[in-house]
Amino acid sequence: MSRIKTHVKKGDQVEIIAGNHKGKRGTVLLVNAAKGKVVVEGGRPIQKAFKATEAEPNGGIKTIDGPVHISNVKKVG
């Protein structure tokens, strides 16, 4: 199994350098090197509908952090 090398890892401080969310800074929550995506805390908020479950009986719409392409982030410090 070969590992894919990336310039950021979980916990790094990054800035989004391209796209609609350009200039936002945050911490990397997740890196998916195979797909070339990273999830930045507060970087790209999206709304997602959730079904009702035992844990969340009401379900509804929640705001979560969406993925950003790894080439559109730069490490800050």
PDB file of N, CA and C in Angstrom:
ATOM      1  N   MET A   1       0.842  -1.177   0.000  1.00  0.00           N
ATOM      2  CA  MET A   1       0.000   0.000   0.000  1.00  0.00           C
ATOM      3  C   MET A   1       0.885   1.237   0.000  1.00  0.00           C
ATOM      4  N   SER A   2       0.755   2.072  -1.022  1.00  0.00           N
ATOM      5  CA  SER A   2       1.561   3.287  -1.065  1.00  0.00           C
ATOM      6  C   SER A   2       0.752   4.469  -0.542  1.00  0.00           C
ATOM      7  N   ARG A   3       1.451   5.356   0.123  1.00  0.00           N
ATOM      8  CA  ARG A   3       0.800   6.542   0.677  1.00  0.00           C
ATOM      9  C   ARG A   3       0.993   7.708  -0.270  1.00  0.00           C
ATOM     10  N   ILE A   4       0.001   8.575  -0.345  1.00  0.00           N
ATOM     11  CA  ILE A   4       0.073   9.753  -1.200  1.00  0.00           C
ATOM     12  C   ILE A   4       0.567  10.923  -0.362  1.00  0.00           C
ATOM     13  N   LYS A   5       1.606  11.582  -0.826  1.00  0.00           N
ATOM     14  CA  LYS A   5       2.213  12.692  -0.090  1.00  0.00           C
ATOM     15  C   LYS A   5       1.397  13.961  -0.307  1.00  0.00           C
ATOM     16  N   THR A   6       1.119  14.676   0.775  1.00  0.00           N
ATOM     17  CA  THR A   6       0.398  15.946   0.689  1.00  0.00           C
ATOM     18  C   THR A   6       1.175  17.007   1.448  1.00  0.00           C
ATOM     19  N   HIS A   7       0.891  18.273   1.157  1.00  0.00           N
ATOM     20  CA  HIS A   7       1.609  19.360   1.825  1.00  0.00           C
ATOM     21  C   HIS A   7       0.921  19.804   3.113  1.00  0.00           C
ATOM     22  N   VAL A   8      -0.256  19.278   3.402  1.00  0.00           N
ATOM     23  CA  VAL A   8      -0.948  19.597   4.652  1.00  0.00           C
ATOM     24  C   VAL A   8      -1.368  18.307   5.338  1.00  0.00           C
ATOM     25  N   LYS A   9      -1.562  18.390   6.648  1.00  0.00           N
ATOM     26  CA  LYS A   9      -2.048  17.249   7.407  1.00  0.00           C
ATOM     27  C   LYS A   9      -3.077  17.735   8.417  1.00  0.00           C
ATOM     28  N   LYS A  10      -3.758  16.803   9.047  1.00  0.00           N
ATOM     29  CA  LYS A  10      -4.786  17.128  10.016  1.00  0.00           C
ATOM     30  C   LYS A  10      -4.186  17.964  11.144  1.00  0.00           C
ATOM     31  N   GLY A  11      -4.867  19.066  11.485  1.00  0.00           N
ATOM     32  CA  GLY A  11      -4.410  19.934  12.562  1.00  0.00           C
ATOM     33  C   GLY A  11      -3.628  21.150  12.096  1.00  0.00           C
ATOM     34  N   ASP A  12      -3.220  21.198  10.816  1.00  0.00           N
ATOM     35  CA  ASP A  12      -2.473  22.347  10.293  1.00  0.00           C
ATOM     36  C   ASP A  12      -3.383  23.555  10.131  1.00  0.00           C
ATOM     37  N   GLN A  13      -2.805  24.740  10.285  1.00  0.00           N
ATOM     38  CA  GLN A  13      -3.511  25.984   9.994  1.00  0.00           C
ATOM     39  C   GLN A  13      -3.314  26.279   8.511  1.00  0.00           C
ATOM     40  N   VAL A  14      -4.404  26.506   7.783  1.00  0.00           N
ATOM     41  CA  VAL A  14      -4.328  26.763   6.346  1.00  0.00           C
ATOM     42  C   VAL A  14      -5.183  27.966   5.967  1.00  0.00           C
ATOM     43  N   GLU A  15      -4.907  28.486   4.763  1.00  0.00           N
ATOM     44  CA  GLU A  15      -5.702  29.561   4.184  1.00  0.00           C
ATOM     45  C   GLU A  15      -6.173  29.105   2.816  1.00  0.00           C
ATOM     46  N   ILE A  16      -7.430  29.376   2.491  1.00  0.00           N
ATOM     47  CA  ILE A  16      -7.971  29.028   1.179  1.00  0.00           C
ATOM     48  C   ILE A  16      -7.543  30.122   0.212  1.00  0.00           C
ATOM     49  N   ILE A  17      -6.876  29.724  -0.881  1.00  0.00           N
ATOM     50  CA  ILE A  17      -6.273  30.707  -1.790  1.00  0.00           C
ATOM     51  C   ILE A  17      -7.012  30.839  -3.120  1.00  0.00           C
ATOM     52  N   ALA A  18      -8.076  30.059  -3.345  1.00  0.00           N
ATOM     53  CA  ALA A  18      -8.813  30.138  -4.600  1.00  0.00           C
ATOM     54  C   ALA A  18     -10.272  29.776  -4.367  1.00  0.00           C
ATOM     55  N   GLY A  19     -11.134  30.269  -5.243  1.00  0.00           N
ATOM     56  CA  GLY A  19     -12.547  29.941  -5.172  1.00  0.00           C
ATOM     57  C   GLY A  19     -13.357  30.992  -4.433  1.00  0.00           C
ATOM     58  N   ASN A  20     -14.625  30.684  -4.196  1.00  0.00           N
ATOM     59  CA  ASN A  20     -15.537  31.623  -3.548  1.00  0.00           C
ATOM     60  C   ASN A  20     -15.177  31.907  -2.103  1.00  0.00           C
ATOM     61  N   HIS A  21     -14.443  31.017  -1.466  1.00  0.00           N
ATOM     62  CA  HIS A  21     -14.124  31.163  -0.048  1.00  0.00           C
ATOM     63  C   HIS A  21     -12.679  31.615   0.152  1.00  0.00           C
ATOM     64  N   LYS A  22     -12.136  32.280  -0.852  1.00  0.00           N
ATOM     65  CA  LYS A  22     -10.761  32.751  -0.835  1.00  0.00           C
ATOM     66  C   LYS A  22     -10.512  33.678   0.356  1.00  0.00           C
ATOM     67  N   GLY A  23      -9.392  33.451   1.047  1.00  0.00           N
ATOM     68  CA  GLY A  23      -9.014  34.304   2.171  1.00  0.00           C
ATOM     69  C   GLY A  23      -9.406  33.754   3.530  1.00  0.00           C
ATOM     70  N   LYS A  24     -10.288  32.765   3.577  1.00  0.00           N
ATOM     71  CA  LYS A  24     -10.691  32.200   4.863  1.00  0.00           C
ATOM     72  C   LYS A  24      -9.578  31.328   5.421  1.00  0.00           C
ATOM     73  N   ARG A  25      -9.408  31.387   6.738  1.00  0.00           N
ATOM     74  CA  ARG A  25      -8.395  30.585   7.414  1.00  0.00           C
ATOM     75  C   ARG A  25      -9.065  29.650   8.401  1.00  0.00           C
ATOM     76  N   GLY A  26      -8.419  28.516   8.638  1.00  0.00           N
ATOM     77  CA  GLY A  26      -8.952  27.565   9.594  1.00  0.00           C
ATOM     78  C   GLY A  26      -8.023  26.391   9.769  1.00  0.00           C
ATOM     79  N   THR A  27      -8.467  25.442  10.578  1.00  0.00           N
ATOM     80  CA  THR A  27      -7.708  24.243  10.880  1.00  0.00           C
ATOM     81  C   THR A  27      -8.201  23.095  10.007  1.00  0.00           C
ATOM     82  N   VAL A  28      -7.274  22.271   9.533  1.00  0.00           N
ATOM     83  CA  VAL A  28      -7.636  21.111   8.719  1.00  0.00           C
ATOM     84  C   VAL A  28      -8.237  20.048   9.627  1.00  0.00           C
ATOM     85  N   LEU A  29      -9.466  19.635   9.328  1.00  0.00           N
ATOM     86  CA  LEU A  29     -10.154  18.610  10.101  1.00  0.00           C
ATOM     87  C   LEU A  29      -9.968  17.225   9.498  1.00  0.00           C
ATOM     88  N   LEU A  30      -9.828  17.144   8.161  1.00  0.00           N
ATOM     89  CA  LEU A  30      -9.769  15.862   7.473  1.00  0.00           C
ATOM     90  C   LEU A  30      -8.993  16.029   6.172  1.00  0.00           C
ATOM     91  N   VAL A  31      -8.153  15.046   5.842  1.00  0.00           N
ATOM     92  CA  VAL A  31      -7.433  15.035   4.571  1.00  0.00           C
ATOM     93  C   VAL A  31      -7.762  13.736   3.852  1.00  0.00           C
ATOM     94  N   ASN A  32      -8.285  13.840   2.637  1.00  0.00           N
ATOM     95  CA  ASN A  32      -8.541  12.682   1.788  1.00  0.00           C
ATOM     96  C   ASN A  32      -7.597  12.798   0.597  1.00  0.00           C
ATOM     97  N   ALA A  33      -6.401  12.228   0.725  1.00  0.00           N
ATOM     98  CA  ALA A  33      -5.368  12.358  -0.296  1.00  0.00           C
ATOM     99  C   ALA A  33      -5.759  11.647  -1.587  1.00  0.00           C
ATOM    100  N   ALA A  34      -6.472  10.544  -1.501  1.00  0.00           N
ATOM    101  CA  ALA A  34      -6.869   9.794  -2.691  1.00  0.00           C
ATOM    102  C   ALA A  34      -7.778  10.627  -3.590  1.00  0.00           C
ATOM    103  N   LYS A  35      -8.668  11.399  -2.996  1.00  0.00           N
ATOM    104  CA  LYS A  35      -9.568  12.251  -3.764  1.00  0.00           C
ATOM    105  C   LYS A  35      -9.030  13.663  -3.930  1.00  0.00           C
ATOM    106  N   GLY A  36      -7.955  14.000  -3.214  1.00  0.00           N
ATOM    107  CA  GLY A  36      -7.372  15.334  -3.315  1.00  0.00           C
ATOM    108  C   GLY A  36      -8.220  16.397  -2.639  1.00  0.00           C
ATOM    109  N   LYS A  37      -8.855  16.051  -1.532  1.00  0.00           N
ATOM    110  CA  LYS A  37      -9.742  16.980  -0.827  1.00  0.00           C
ATOM    111  C   LYS A  37      -9.299  17.162   0.617  1.00  0.00           C
ATOM    112  N   VAL A  38      -9.553  18.346   1.160  1.00  0.00           N
ATOM    113  CA  VAL A  38      -9.356  18.623   2.581  1.00  0.00           C
ATOM    114  C   VAL A  38     -10.599  19.322   3.107  1.00  0.00           C
ATOM    115  N   VAL A  39     -10.893  19.127   4.384  1.00  0.00           N
ATOM    116  CA  VAL A  39     -12.004  19.811   5.036  1.00  0.00           C
ATOM    117  C   VAL A  39     -11.391  20.801   6.019  1.00  0.00           C
ATOM    118  N   VAL A  40     -11.704  22.090   5.810  1.00  0.00           N
ATOM    119  CA  VAL A  40     -11.171  23.160   6.646  1.00  0.00           C
ATOM    120  C   VAL A  40     -12.283  23.658   7.563  1.00  0.00           C
ATOM    121  N   GLU A  41     -11.981  23.795   8.834  1.00  0.00           N
ATOM    122  CA  GLU A  41     -12.965  24.249   9.821  1.00  0.00           C
ATOM    123  C   GLU A  41     -13.408  25.664   9.482  1.00  0.00           C
ATOM    124  N   GLY A  42     -14.683  25.833   9.179  1.00  0.00           N
ATOM    125  CA  GLY A  42     -15.237  27.140   8.833  1.00  0.00           C
ATOM    126  C   GLY A  42     -14.856  27.614   7.446  1.00  0.00           C
ATOM    127  N   GLY A  43     -14.245  26.768   6.650  1.00  0.00           N
ATOM    128  CA  GLY A  43     -13.760  27.174   5.328  1.00  0.00           C
ATOM    129  C   GLY A  43     -14.825  27.225   4.260  1.00  0.00           C
ATOM    130  N   ARG A  44     -15.659  26.210   4.197  1.00  0.00           N
ATOM    131  CA  ARG A  44     -16.705  26.130   3.176  1.00  0.00           C
ATOM    132  C   ARG A  44     -17.964  25.548   3.784  1.00  0.00           C
ATOM    133  N   PRO A  45     -18.746  26.369   4.470  1.00  0.00           N
ATOM    134  CA  PRO A  45     -19.961  25.846   5.095  1.00  0.00           C
ATOM    135  C   PRO A  45     -21.021  25.484   4.052  1.00  0.00           C
ATOM    136  N   ILE A  46     -21.592  24.285   4.204  1.00  0.00           N
ATOM    137  CA  ILE A  46     -22.684  23.852   3.338  1.00  0.00           C
ATOM    138  C   ILE A  46     -23.819  23.352   4.215  1.00  0.00           C
ATOM    139  N   GLN A  47     -25.042  23.427   3.684  1.00  0.00           N
ATOM    140  CA  GLN A  47     -26.195  22.947   4.430  1.00  0.00           C
ATOM    141  C   GLN A  47     -26.574  21.571   3.914  1.00  0.00           C
ATOM    142  N   LYS A  48     -26.825  20.656   4.841  1.00  0.00           N
ATOM    143  CA  LYS A  48     -27.143  19.279   4.492  1.00  0.00           C
ATOM    144  C   LYS A  48     -28.384  18.836   5.250  1.00  0.00           C
ATOM    145  N   ALA A  49     -29.262  18.111   4.575  1.00  0.00           N
ATOM    146  CA  ALA A  49     -30.475  17.589   5.203  1.00  0.00           C
ATOM    147  C   ALA A  49     -30.168  16.243   5.847  1.00  0.00           C
ATOM    148  N   PHE A  50     -30.650  16.063   7.085  1.00  0.00           N
ATOM    149  CA  PHE A  50     -30.452  14.816   7.819  1.00  0.00           C
ATOM    150  C   PHE A  50     -31.798  14.191   8.140  1.00  0.00           C
ATOM    151  N   LYS A  51     -31.863  12.864   8.034  1.00  0.00           N
ATOM    152  CA  LYS A  51     -33.068  12.131   8.400  1.00  0.00           C
ATOM    153  C   LYS A  51     -33.193  12.063   9.912  1.00  0.00           C
ATOM    154  N   ALA A  52     -34.388  11.863  10.379  1.00  0.00           N
ATOM    155  CA  ALA A  52     -34.618  11.681  11.811  1.00  0.00           C
ATOM    156  C   ALA A  52     -34.073  10.317  12.235  1.00  0.00           C
ATOM    157  N   THR A  53     -33.338  10.297  13.355  1.00  0.00           N
ATOM    158  CA  THR A  53     -32.808   9.055  13.908  1.00  0.00           C
ATOM    159  C   THR A  53     -33.101   9.037  15.402  1.00  0.00           C
ATOM    160  N   GLU A  54     -32.683   7.995  16.069  1.00  0.00           N
ATOM    161  CA  GLU A  54     -32.874   7.957  17.519  1.00  0.00           C
ATOM    162  C   GLU A  54     -32.050   9.039  18.203  1.00  0.00           C
ATOM    163  N   ALA A  55     -30.859   9.269  17.711  1.00  0.00           N
ATOM    164  CA  ALA A  55     -29.991  10.289  18.310  1.00  0.00           C
ATOM    165  C   ALA A  55     -30.536  11.695  18.046  1.00  0.00           C
ATOM    166  N   GLU A  56     -31.029  11.937  16.827  1.00  0.00           N
ATOM    167  CA  GLU A  56     -31.614  13.227  16.438  1.00  0.00           C
ATOM    168  C   GLU A  56     -33.047  12.991  15.990  1.00  0.00           C
ATOM    169  N   PRO A  57     -34.024  12.993  16.918  1.00  0.00           N
ATOM    170  CA  PRO A  57     -35.396  12.649  16.537  1.00  0.00           C
ATOM    171  C   PRO A  57     -36.054  13.624  15.559  1.00  0.00           C
ATOM    172  N   ASN A  58     -35.596  14.869  15.525  1.00  0.00           N
ATOM    173  CA  ASN A  58     -36.219  15.842  14.638  1.00  0.00           C
ATOM    174  C   ASN A  58     -35.602  15.865  13.244  1.00  0.00           C
ATOM    175  N   GLY A  59     -34.351  15.421  13.108  1.00  0.00           N
ATOM    176  CA  GLY A  59     -33.692  15.509  11.808  1.00  0.00           C
ATOM    177  C   GLY A  59     -33.507  16.958  11.439  1.00  0.00           C
ATOM    178  N   GLY A  60     -33.682  17.309  10.166  1.00  0.00           N
ATOM    179  CA  GLY A  60     -33.636  18.696   9.739  1.00  0.00           C
ATOM    180  C   GLY A  60     -32.395  19.039   8.942  1.00  0.00           C
ATOM    181  N   ILE A  61     -32.161  20.343   8.800  1.00  0.00           N
ATOM    182  CA  ILE A  61     -31.052  20.856   8.010  1.00  0.00           C
ATOM    183  C   ILE A  61     -29.972  21.361   8.950  1.00  0.00           C
ATOM    184  N   LYS A  62     -28.719  20.926   8.708  1.00  0.00           N
ATOM    185  CA  LYS A  62     -27.590  21.340   9.535  1.00  0.00           C
ATOM    186  C   LYS A  62     -26.500  21.912   8.646  1.00  0.00           C
ATOM    187  N   THR A  63     -25.705  22.812   9.207  1.00  0.00           N
ATOM    188  CA  THR A  63     -24.572  23.379   8.490  1.00  0.00           C
ATOM    189  C   THR A  63     -23.315  22.612   8.868  1.00  0.00           C
ATOM    190  N   ILE A  64     -22.629  22.078   7.850  1.00  0.00           N
ATOM    191  CA  ILE A  64     -21.391  21.335   8.082  1.00  0.00           C
ATOM    192  C   ILE A  64     -20.287  21.948   7.215  1.00  0.00           C
ATOM    193  N   ASP A  65     -19.030  21.559   7.467  1.00  0.00           N
ATOM    194  CA  ASP A  65     -17.907  22.034   6.673  1.00  0.00           C
ATOM    195  C   ASP A  65     -17.733  21.133   5.456  1.00  0.00           C
ATOM    196  N   GLY A  66     -17.709  21.742   4.272  1.00  0.00           N
ATOM    197  CA  GLY A  66     -17.550  20.982   3.039  1.00  0.00           C
ATOM    198  C   GLY A  66     -16.099  20.887   2.618  1.00  0.00           C
ATOM    199  N   PRO A  67     -15.789  19.984   1.691  1.00  0.00           N
ATOM    200  CA  PRO A  67     -14.410  19.801   1.248  1.00  0.00           C
ATOM    201  C   PRO A  67     -13.956  20.883   0.268  1.00  0.00           C
ATOM    202  N   VAL A  68     -12.636  21.096   0.246  1.00  0.00           N
ATOM    203  CA  VAL A  68     -11.988  22.024  -0.671  1.00  0.00           C
ATOM    204  C   VAL A  68     -10.871  21.239  -1.347  1.00  0.00           C
ATOM    205  N   HIS A  69     -10.597  21.510  -2.611  1.00  0.00           N
ATOM    206  CA  HIS A  69      -9.508  20.799  -3.282  1.00  0.00           C
ATOM    207  C   HIS A  69      -8.183  21.164  -2.636  1.00  0.00           C
ATOM    208  N   ILE A  70      -7.316  20.177  -2.520  1.00  0.00           N
ATOM    209  CA  ILE A  70      -6.063  20.350  -1.784  1.00  0.00           C
ATOM    210  C   ILE A  70      -5.148  21.397  -2.424  1.00  0.00           C
ATOM    211  N   SER A  71      -5.284  21.616  -3.742  1.00  0.00           N
ATOM    212  CA  SER A  71      -4.457  22.609  -4.404  1.00  0.00           C
ATOM    213  C   SER A  71      -4.913  24.031  -4.110  1.00  0.00           C
ATOM    214  N   ASN A  72      -6.096  24.187  -3.524  1.00  0.00           N
ATOM    215  CA  ASN A  72      -6.629  25.519  -3.234  1.00  0.00           C
ATOM    216  C   ASN A  72      -6.376  25.973  -1.805  1.00  0.00           C
ATOM    217  N   VAL A  73      -5.527  25.247  -1.070  1.00  0.00           N
ATOM    218  CA  VAL A  73      -5.170  25.663   0.290  1.00  0.00           C
ATOM    219  C   VAL A  73      -3.663  25.801   0.409  1.00  0.00           C
ATOM    220  N   LYS A  74      -3.249  26.729   1.274  1.00  0.00           N
ATOM    221  CA  LYS A  74      -1.818  26.867   1.563  1.00  0.00           C
ATOM    222  C   LYS A  74      -1.629  26.865   3.058  1.00  0.00           C
ATOM    223  N   LYS A  75      -0.547  26.252   3.477  1.00  0.00           N
ATOM    224  CA  LYS A  75      -0.222  26.136   4.888  1.00  0.00           C
ATOM    225  C   LYS A  75       0.211  27.486   5.427  1.00  0.00           C
ATOM    226  N   VAL A  76      -0.307  27.853   6.614  1.00  0.00           N
ATOM    227  CA  VAL A  76       0.036  29.122   7.250  1.00  0.00           C
ATOM    228  C   VAL A  76       0.687  28.787   8.584  1.00  0.00           C
ATOM    229  N   GLY A  77       1.981  28.877   8.636  1.00  0.00           N
ATOM    230  CA  GLY A  77       2.691  28.641   9.898  1.00  0.00           C
ATOM    231  C   GLY A  77       2.798  27.257  10.356  1.00  0.00           C
TER     232      GLY A  77
END
